[in-house]
Amino acid sequence: MDVQTIVLLALGALTAGFVNGFAGFGTALVASGFWFLVLPPEIVPPLIIIAALVGQFAGLWKLAGTLSWSKSTYLISGGVFGVPIGTLLLTILNPDTVKTSIGCLLLFYSVIQFRGLPDLKLPVHKDGIADRAVGFVGGILGGIAGLSGVLPLIWLQVNKLTSAEQRARYQPFNLLILCFAAVAMAFVGKFNAALLPYALIAVPFSLFGAFVGIRAYVGVSEDMFRRVVLGLLFLSGCAIIGQTILG
């Protein structure tokens, strides 16, 4: 690896780790913008999974008292069925088309939320049908493009949950879906010796960034957290569409 590769690898890991620690998601959205510039394409997906899991486990450790597996049950029960379907669809659908559609959704949602349009009146289902459906589609998106956390986050925001209540639900969901993705990649042989030198650099920077991000999250106000997350969704939408356009 040359100096440029090492710098962008470390910077991508540090930035993505911070975002993951602060918001509880976003590793794939942030790191890919750095790593696809300098790393072999086949290295990026498994490296993203490793970095994301580092951030998720750091969040689980530092925020364990605020996360709720029981409140994530409906999302998770739908998501675990969505992941294999998403992986299957990846062999059928054009991933660029899927990513562009997701990017447009992120842009549309973040813009209308920043504008403060009237609240939606959503029906409440005690059996969790809506949450299961959202988790299922999130699992599909995770299998296709590694974007499992986006739709559940939007769903929880639309339901007007506080930042703590949102994170209590979507971070356990993200962690479990990433674990499923890691198992799938290991099964098809993506975790190999070629990945090791990149992981040895990325992991410590991801871990440090995650702890700094978690510390920033703990002291942030409700309104600031909402604005930062919406800004992240907007920038992520721009990045996804930009990556598709630039090839």
Protein backbone atom coordinates (compact mmCIF):
# COMPACT_ATOMS: atom_id res chain seq x y z
CA MET A 1 0.00 0.00 0.00
CA ASP A 2 1.26 3.47 -0.86
CA VAL A 3 0.91 6.53 1.37
CA GLN A 4 -2.26 7.80 -0.36
CA THR A 5 -3.98 4.44 0.11
CA ILE A 6 -3.07 4.29 3.80
CA VAL A 7 -4.20 7.88 4.42
CA LEU A 8 -7.58 7.47 2.71
CA LEU A 9 -8.09 4.06 4.30
CA ALA A 10 -7.45 5.50 7.76
CA LEU A 11 -9.43 8.69 7.13
CA GLY A 12 -12.40 6.74 5.81
CA ALA A 13 -12.32 4.43 8.82
CA LEU A 14 -12.04 7.34 11.27
CA THR A 15 -14.85 9.37 9.67
CA ALA A 16 -17.16 6.39 9.25
CA GLY A 17 -16.44 5.29 12.82
CA PHE A 18 -17.39 8.72 14.14
CA VAL A 19 -20.64 8.77 12.16
CA ASN A 20 -21.48 5.23 13.25
CA GLY A 21 -20.77 6.10 16.88
CA PHE A 22 -22.78 9.31 16.76
CA ALA A 23 -25.77 8.19 14.70
CA GLY A 24 -25.72 4.39 15.13
CA PHE A 25 -25.51 3.77 11.37
CA GLY A 26 -23.77 5.12 8.27
CA THR A 27 -20.49 3.19 7.94
CA ALA A 28 -21.22 1.97 4.42
CA LEU A 29 -22.49 5.37 3.30
CA VAL A 30 -19.40 7.23 4.54
CA ALA A 31 -16.53 4.76 4.14
CA SER A 32 -17.37 3.75 0.58
CA GLY A 33 -16.80 7.32 -0.56
CA PHE A 34 -13.17 7.06 0.58
CA TRP A 35 -12.35 3.41 0.03
CA PHE A 36 -13.66 2.88 -3.47
CA LEU A 37 -11.17 5.57 -4.58
CA VAL A 38 -8.05 3.64 -3.57
CA LEU A 39 -8.87 0.06 -2.54
CA PRO A 40 -9.52 -3.00 -4.72
CA PRO A 41 -13.31 -3.17 -5.27
CA GLU A 42 -13.57 -6.70 -3.90
CA ILE A 43 -11.98 -5.58 -0.61
CA VAL A 44 -14.45 -2.78 0.16
CA PRO A 45 -17.68 -4.72 1.02
CA PRO A 46 -16.15 -7.09 3.62
CA LEU A 47 -14.04 -4.25 5.03
CA ILE A 48 -17.18 -2.14 5.46
CA ILE A 49 -18.84 -5.00 7.33
CA ILE A 50 -15.85 -5.31 9.67
CA ALA A 51 -15.68 -1.55 10.31
CA ALA A 52 -19.43 -1.30 10.82
CA LEU A 53 -19.44 -4.18 13.31
CA VAL A 54 -16.60 -2.52 15.24
CA GLY A 55 -18.71 0.64 15.55
CA GLN A 56 -21.86 -1.27 16.40
CA PHE A 57 -20.20 -3.32 19.15
CA ALA A 58 -18.63 -0.15 20.55
CA GLY A 59 -22.10 1.39 20.69
CA LEU A 60 -23.51 -1.76 22.26
CA TRP A 61 -20.84 -1.58 24.96
CA LYS A 62 -21.06 2.14 25.74
CA LEU A 63 -24.83 2.54 25.28
CA ALA A 64 -26.02 -0.86 26.47
CA GLY A 65 -28.33 0.69 29.06
CA THR A 66 -30.19 2.72 26.43
CA LEU A 67 -30.61 0.06 23.72
CA SER A 68 -33.56 -2.30 23.74
CA TRP A 69 -33.56 -5.67 22.01
CA SER A 70 -37.16 -6.23 23.06
CA LYS A 71 -38.30 -3.02 21.33
CA SER A 72 -36.37 -4.07 18.21
CA THR A 73 -38.04 -7.48 18.01
CA TYR A 74 -40.53 -6.57 15.30
CA LEU A 75 -37.91 -4.89 13.11
CA ILE A 76 -35.47 -7.77 13.56
CA SER A 77 -38.06 -10.48 12.92
CA GLY A 78 -38.83 -8.89 9.57
CA GLY A 79 -35.21 -8.05 8.73
CA VAL A 80 -33.79 -11.56 9.11
CA PHE A 81 -36.16 -12.78 6.40
CA GLY A 82 -35.35 -9.83 4.16
CA VAL A 83 -31.56 -10.30 4.08
CA PRO A 84 -31.45 -13.55 2.05
CA ILE A 85 -34.06 -12.18 -0.35
CA GLY A 86 -31.98 -9.05 -0.84
CA THR A 87 -28.89 -11.18 -1.49
CA LEU A 88 -30.85 -13.16 -4.08
CA LEU A 89 -32.21 -10.01 -5.71
CA LEU A 90 -28.66 -8.69 -5.95
CA THR A 91 -28.05 -11.30 -8.64
CA ILE A 92 -31.14 -10.17 -10.57
CA LEU A 93 -31.50 -6.41 -10.15
CA ASN A 94 -29.12 -3.70 -11.29
CA PRO A 95 -27.47 -2.51 -8.04
CA ASP A 96 -26.90 0.97 -9.48
CA THR A 97 -30.64 1.34 -10.11
CA VAL A 98 -31.41 0.24 -6.56
CA LYS A 99 -28.83 2.57 -5.04
CA THR A 100 -30.03 5.51 -7.13
CA SER A 101 -33.62 4.90 -6.01
CA ILE A 102 -32.48 4.82 -2.38
CA GLY A 103 -30.46 7.99 -2.91
CA CYS A 104 -33.52 9.79 -4.31
CA LEU A 105 -35.59 8.59 -1.35
CA LEU A 106 -33.02 9.95 1.11
CA LEU A 107 -32.89 13.32 -0.64
CA PHE A 108 -36.68 13.62 -0.79
CA TYR A 109 -37.19 12.60 2.84
CA SER A 110 -34.46 14.81 4.30
CA VAL A 111 -35.60 17.86 2.33
CA ILE A 112 -39.27 17.58 3.34
CA GLN A 113 -38.27 16.98 6.97
CA PHE A 114 -36.01 20.03 7.00
CA ARG A 115 -38.93 22.06 5.61
CA GLY A 116 -41.10 20.89 8.50
CA LEU A 117 -44.14 19.68 6.57
CA PRO A 118 -47.26 18.65 8.54
CA ASP A 119 -46.99 15.47 10.61
CA LEU A 120 -48.34 12.24 9.20
CA LYS A 121 -51.12 10.45 11.06
CA LEU A 122 -49.98 6.84 11.12
CA PRO A 123 -52.10 3.93 12.34
CA VAL A 124 -50.72 2.02 15.30
CA HIS A 125 -50.66 -1.78 15.04
CA LYS A 126 -50.15 -3.54 18.35
CA ASP A 127 -49.09 -6.74 16.58
CA GLY A 128 -46.17 -4.93 14.95
CA ILE A 129 -47.16 -5.61 11.34
CA ALA A 130 -45.90 -2.24 10.14
CA ASP A 131 -42.59 -2.58 12.02
CA ARG A 132 -42.09 -6.09 10.65
CA ALA A 133 -42.74 -4.84 7.12
CA VAL A 134 -40.26 -1.99 7.53
CA GLY A 135 -37.67 -4.37 8.98
CA PHE A 136 -38.28 -6.81 6.13
CA VAL A 137 -37.67 -4.16 3.46
CA GLY A 138 -34.69 -2.89 5.47
CA GLY A 139 -33.28 -6.41 5.45
CA ILE A 140 -33.75 -6.59 1.68
CA LEU A 141 -31.92 -3.28 1.24
CA GLY A 142 -29.19 -4.59 3.52
CA GLY A 143 -28.78 -7.66 1.35
CA ILE A 144 -28.72 -5.61 -1.83
CA ALA A 145 -26.66 -2.57 -0.89
CA GLY A 146 -25.70 -2.73 2.80
CA LEU A 147 -28.27 -0.03 3.63
CA SER A 148 -30.34 -1.88 6.19
CA GLY A 149 -30.63 0.97 8.68
CA VAL A 150 -32.00 3.72 6.46
CA LEU A 151 -35.65 2.71 6.17
CA PRO A 152 -36.11 1.78 9.87
CA LEU A 153 -34.59 5.14 10.84
CA ILE A 154 -36.98 7.02 8.55
CA TRP A 155 -39.90 5.00 9.90
CA LEU A 156 -39.02 5.76 13.52
CA GLN A 157 -38.54 9.46 12.76
CA VAL A 158 -41.90 9.64 11.00
CA ASN A 159 -43.46 8.08 14.10
CA LYS A 160 -42.00 11.00 16.11
CA LEU A 161 -39.92 8.95 18.51
CA THR A 162 -37.21 10.78 20.41
CA SER A 163 -33.59 10.31 19.34
CA ALA A 164 -33.01 7.95 22.27
CA GLU A 165 -36.11 5.90 21.42
CA GLN A 166 -35.08 5.73 17.76
CA ARG A 167 -31.59 4.53 18.56
CA ALA A 168 -32.84 2.06 21.13
CA ARG A 169 -34.66 0.29 18.30
CA TYR A 170 -32.61 0.67 15.14
CA GLN A 171 -29.11 0.07 16.50
CA PRO A 172 -29.82 -3.50 17.71
CA PHE A 173 -31.52 -4.11 14.35
CA ASN A 174 -28.44 -2.84 12.48
CA LEU A 175 -26.08 -4.92 14.60
CA LEU A 176 -27.94 -8.17 13.97
CA ILE A 177 -28.36 -7.54 10.24
CA LEU A 178 -24.63 -6.79 9.95
CA CYS A 179 -23.87 -10.05 11.74
CA PHE A 180 -26.00 -11.91 9.20
CA ALA A 181 -24.19 -10.12 6.38
CA ALA A 182 -20.82 -11.07 7.90
CA VAL A 183 -21.83 -14.72 8.09
CA ALA A 184 -22.97 -14.62 4.46
CA MET A 185 -19.68 -13.04 3.32
CA ALA A 186 -17.65 -15.56 5.30
CA PHE A 187 -19.66 -18.36 3.71
CA VAL A 188 -18.79 -17.19 0.19
CA GLY A 189 -15.12 -16.65 1.08
CA LYS A 190 -14.90 -12.85 1.21
CA PHE A 191 -12.93 -12.88 4.48
CA ASN A 192 -9.48 -13.96 3.32
CA ALA A 193 -5.78 -13.20 3.76
CA ALA A 194 -5.91 -10.35 1.24
CA LEU A 195 -8.31 -8.47 3.54
CA LEU A 196 -6.10 -8.70 6.64
CA PRO A 197 -3.63 -5.80 6.07
CA TYR A 198 -6.48 -3.41 5.27
CA ALA A 199 -8.46 -4.53 8.32
CA LEU A 200 -5.45 -4.07 10.60
CA ILE A 201 -5.38 -0.39 9.64
CA ALA A 202 -9.13 0.23 9.48
CA VAL A 203 -10.20 -1.41 12.75
CA PRO A 204 -8.31 0.80 15.26
CA PHE A 205 -9.30 4.00 13.44
CA SER A 206 -12.93 2.83 13.25
CA LEU A 207 -12.91 2.02 16.94
CA PHE A 208 -11.42 5.37 17.94
CA GLY A 209 -13.85 7.26 15.70
CA ALA A 210 -16.78 5.32 17.14
CA PHE A 211 -15.88 6.17 20.74
CA VAL A 212 -15.51 9.87 19.85
CA GLY A 213 -18.85 9.76 18.03
CA ILE A 214 -20.59 8.08 20.97
CA ARG A 215 -19.21 10.72 23.32
CA ALA A 216 -20.53 13.46 21.03
CA TYR A 217 -23.95 11.78 20.86
CA VAL A 218 -24.30 11.59 24.63
CA GLY A 219 -24.00 15.36 25.01
CA VAL A 220 -26.04 16.48 21.99
CA SER A 221 -29.51 18.01 22.17
CA GLU A 222 -32.60 16.39 20.67
CA ASP A 223 -32.93 19.02 17.95
CA MET A 224 -29.24 18.93 17.05
CA PHE A 225 -29.28 15.13 16.77
CA ARG A 226 -32.27 15.33 14.43
CA ARG A 227 -30.58 17.94 12.26
CA VAL A 228 -27.29 16.06 12.10
CA VAL A 229 -29.01 12.80 11.15
CA LEU A 230 -31.12 14.52 8.49
CA GLY A 231 -27.97 16.20 7.17
CA LEU A 232 -26.26 12.80 7.06
CA LEU A 233 -29.19 11.31 5.16
CA PHE A 234 -29.11 14.21 2.68
CA LEU A 235 -25.35 13.93 2.11
CA SER A 236 -25.65 10.16 1.85
CA GLY A 237 -28.30 10.53 -0.83
CA CYS A 238 -26.04 12.91 -2.76
CA ALA A 239 -23.08 10.55 -2.38
CA ILE A 240 -25.04 7.51 -3.55
CA ILE A 241 -26.35 9.31 -6.64
CA GLY A 242 -22.91 10.82 -7.30
CA GLN A 243 -21.21 7.41 -7.12
CA THR A 244 -23.75 6.01 -9.58
CA ILE A 245 -23.31 8.89 -12.02
CA LEU A 246 -19.50 8.79 -11.86
CA GLY A 247 -19.46 5.02 -12.13
